């Protein structure tokens, strides 16, 4: 007899993104896009079972404009990479 699998019912809130600026240890500006939709449920044991890990990808842009934003060419490289990762 096969053991019964546990089931968890979760309700995910609508995604809520914001842009944050910071500086790294070398004083370079760092931009982050953060999904804060689950921050108020960070102590939820069921969510931790279902989402026990997260992924963080850091892009160090070399070709930036005066505001330290990536140029359209640099952004295109990042976007293409992310789209390939998401499709897998």
C-alpha atoms as a PDB file:
ATOM      1  CA  UNK A   1       0.000   0.000   0.000  1.00  0.00           C
ATOM      2  CA  UNK A   2       1.380   3.375  -1.042  1.00  0.00           C
ATOM      3  CA  UNK A   3       1.643   5.997   1.733  1.00  0.00           C
ATOM      4  CA  UNK A   4      -0.844   8.837   1.506  1.00  0.00           C
ATOM      5  CA  UNK A   5       0.671  12.121   0.392  1.00  0.00           C
ATOM      6  CA  UNK A   6       0.145  15.253   2.430  1.00  0.00           C
ATOM      7  CA  UNK A   7      -1.685  18.101   0.775  1.00  0.00           C
ATOM      8  CA  UNK A   8      -1.364  21.783   1.526  1.00  0.00           C
ATOM      9  CA  UNK A   9      -3.802  24.440   0.421  1.00  0.00           C
ATOM     10  CA  UNK A  10      -2.252  27.853  -0.020  1.00  0.00           C
ATOM     11  CA  UNK A  11      -3.659  31.101  -1.311  1.00  0.00           C
ATOM     12  CA  UNK A  12      -1.092  33.351  -2.923  1.00  0.00           C
ATOM     13  CA  UNK A  13      -1.700  37.078  -2.857  1.00  0.00           C
ATOM     14  CA  UNK A  14      -1.391  39.137  -6.015  1.00  0.00           C
ATOM     15  CA  UNK A  15       2.219  40.002  -6.800  1.00  0.00           C
ATOM     16  CA  UNK A  16       3.364  43.381  -5.555  1.00  0.00           C
ATOM     17  CA  UNK A  17       6.674  44.655  -6.916  1.00  0.00           C
ATOM     18  CA  UNK A  18       8.739  47.670  -5.966  1.00  0.00           C
ATOM     19  CA  UNK A  19      12.102  49.041  -7.005  1.00  0.00           C
ATOM     20  CA  UNK A  20      14.721  49.475  -4.297  1.00  0.00           C
ATOM     21  CA  UNK A  21      18.113  51.169  -4.526  1.00  0.00           C
ATOM     22  CA  UNK A  22      21.106  50.418  -2.370  1.00  0.00           C
ATOM     23  CA  UNK A  23      24.902  50.384  -2.536  1.00  0.00           C
ATOM     24  CA  UNK A  24      27.150  47.347  -2.467  1.00  0.00           C
ATOM     25  CA  UNK A  25      30.292  47.000  -0.338  1.00  0.00           C
ATOM     26  CA  UNK A  26      32.303  48.861  -3.010  1.00  0.00           C
ATOM     27  CA  UNK A  27      29.887  51.799  -3.104  1.00  0.00           C
ATOM     28  CA  UNK A  28      28.345  50.825  -6.454  1.00  0.00           C
ATOM     29  CA  UNK A  29      24.611  51.423  -6.829  1.00  0.00           C
ATOM     30  CA  UNK A  30      22.496  48.270  -6.745  1.00  0.00           C
ATOM     31  CA  UNK A  31      18.925  48.159  -8.073  1.00  0.00           C
ATOM     32  CA  UNK A  32      16.539  45.479  -6.876  1.00  0.00           C
ATOM     33  CA  UNK A  33      13.051  44.547  -8.026  1.00  0.00           C
ATOM     34  CA  UNK A  34      11.367  42.939  -5.046  1.00  0.00           C
ATOM     35  CA  UNK A  35       8.125  40.987  -4.870  1.00  0.00           C
ATOM     36  CA  UNK A  36       6.804  41.875  -1.432  1.00  0.00           C
ATOM     37  CA  UNK A  37       3.477  40.046  -1.694  1.00  0.00           C
ATOM     38  CA  UNK A  38       4.441  37.302   0.794  1.00  0.00           C
ATOM     39  CA  UNK A  39       6.343  39.404   3.336  1.00  0.00           C
ATOM     40  CA  UNK A  40       3.385  39.618   5.732  1.00  0.00           C
ATOM     41  CA  UNK A  41       3.140  35.802   5.726  1.00  0.00           C
ATOM     42  CA  UNK A  42       6.830  35.010   6.272  1.00  0.00           C
ATOM     43  CA  UNK A  43       6.029  33.026   9.449  1.00  0.00           C
ATOM     44  CA  UNK A  44       3.470  30.831   7.641  1.00  0.00           C
ATOM     45  CA  UNK A  45       4.664  27.219   8.140  1.00  0.00           C
ATOM     46  CA  UNK A  46       2.717  25.877   5.138  1.00  0.00           C
ATOM     47  CA  UNK A  47       4.255  28.461   2.797  1.00  0.00           C
ATOM     48  CA  UNK A  48       7.715  27.500   4.056  1.00  0.00           C
ATOM     49  CA  UNK A  49       6.994  23.847   3.241  1.00  0.00           C
ATOM     50  CA  UNK A  50       5.839  24.696  -0.281  1.00  0.00           C
ATOM     51  CA  UNK A  51       8.380  27.466  -0.949  1.00  0.00           C
ATOM     52  CA  UNK A  52      11.357  26.183   1.016  1.00  0.00           C
ATOM     53  CA  UNK A  53      13.900  27.963  -1.153  1.00  0.00           C
ATOM     54  CA  UNK A  54      14.252  30.950  -3.405  1.00  0.00           C
ATOM     55  CA  UNK A  55      16.455  31.955  -6.274  1.00  0.00           C
ATOM     56  CA  UNK A  56      18.442  35.132  -6.580  1.00  0.00           C
ATOM     57  CA  UNK A  57      20.225  36.160  -9.759  1.00  0.00           C
ATOM     58  CA  UNK A  58      22.570  39.133  -9.721  1.00  0.00           C
ATOM     59  CA  UNK A  59      23.492  40.967 -12.910  1.00  0.00           C
ATOM     60  CA  UNK A  60      26.549  43.203 -12.862  1.00  0.00           C
ATOM     61  CA  UNK A  61      26.035  45.647 -15.723  1.00  0.00           C
ATOM     62  CA  UNK A  62      29.115  47.015 -17.424  1.00  0.00           C
ATOM     63  CA  UNK A  63      27.446  49.297 -19.954  1.00  0.00           C
ATOM     64  CA  UNK A  64      25.336  51.796 -17.995  1.00  0.00           C
ATOM     65  CA  UNK A  65      23.960  55.276 -18.623  1.00  0.00           C
ATOM     66  CA  UNK A  66      24.485  58.425 -16.522  1.00  0.00           C
ATOM     67  CA  UNK A  67      21.925  57.203 -13.938  1.00  0.00           C
ATOM     68  CA  UNK A  68      23.692  53.811 -13.698  1.00  0.00           C
ATOM     69  CA  UNK A  69      20.799  52.077 -15.462  1.00  0.00           C
ATOM     70  CA  UNK A  70      21.777  49.391 -17.976  1.00  0.00           C
ATOM     71  CA  UNK A  71      21.735  50.435 -21.611  1.00  0.00           C
ATOM     72  CA  UNK A  72      19.080  48.879 -23.825  1.00  0.00           C
ATOM     73  CA  UNK A  73      21.654  46.398 -25.155  1.00  0.00           C
ATOM     74  CA  UNK A  74      22.644  45.279 -21.635  1.00  0.00           C
ATOM     75  CA  UNK A  75      19.006  45.075 -20.596  1.00  0.00           C
ATOM     76  CA  UNK A  76      18.194  42.937 -23.641  1.00  0.00           C
ATOM     77  CA  UNK A  77      20.890  40.425 -22.683  1.00  0.00           C
ATOM     78  CA  UNK A  78      19.476  40.171 -19.156  1.00  0.00           C
ATOM     79  CA  UNK A  79      15.867  39.897 -20.365  1.00  0.00           C
ATOM     80  CA  UNK A  80      16.729  37.166 -22.888  1.00  0.00           C
ATOM     81  CA  UNK A  81      18.559  35.188 -20.204  1.00  0.00           C
ATOM     82  CA  UNK A  82      15.688  35.460 -17.724  1.00  0.00           C
ATOM     83  CA  UNK A  83      13.144  34.412 -20.367  1.00  0.00           C
ATOM     84  CA  UNK A  84      15.212  31.297 -21.170  1.00  0.00           C
ATOM     85  CA  UNK A  85      15.464  30.373 -17.491  1.00  0.00           C
ATOM     86  CA  UNK A  86      11.737  30.840 -16.888  1.00  0.00           C
ATOM     87  CA  UNK A  87      10.792  28.654 -19.876  1.00  0.00           C
ATOM     88  CA  UNK A  88      12.816  25.688 -18.570  1.00  0.00           C
END
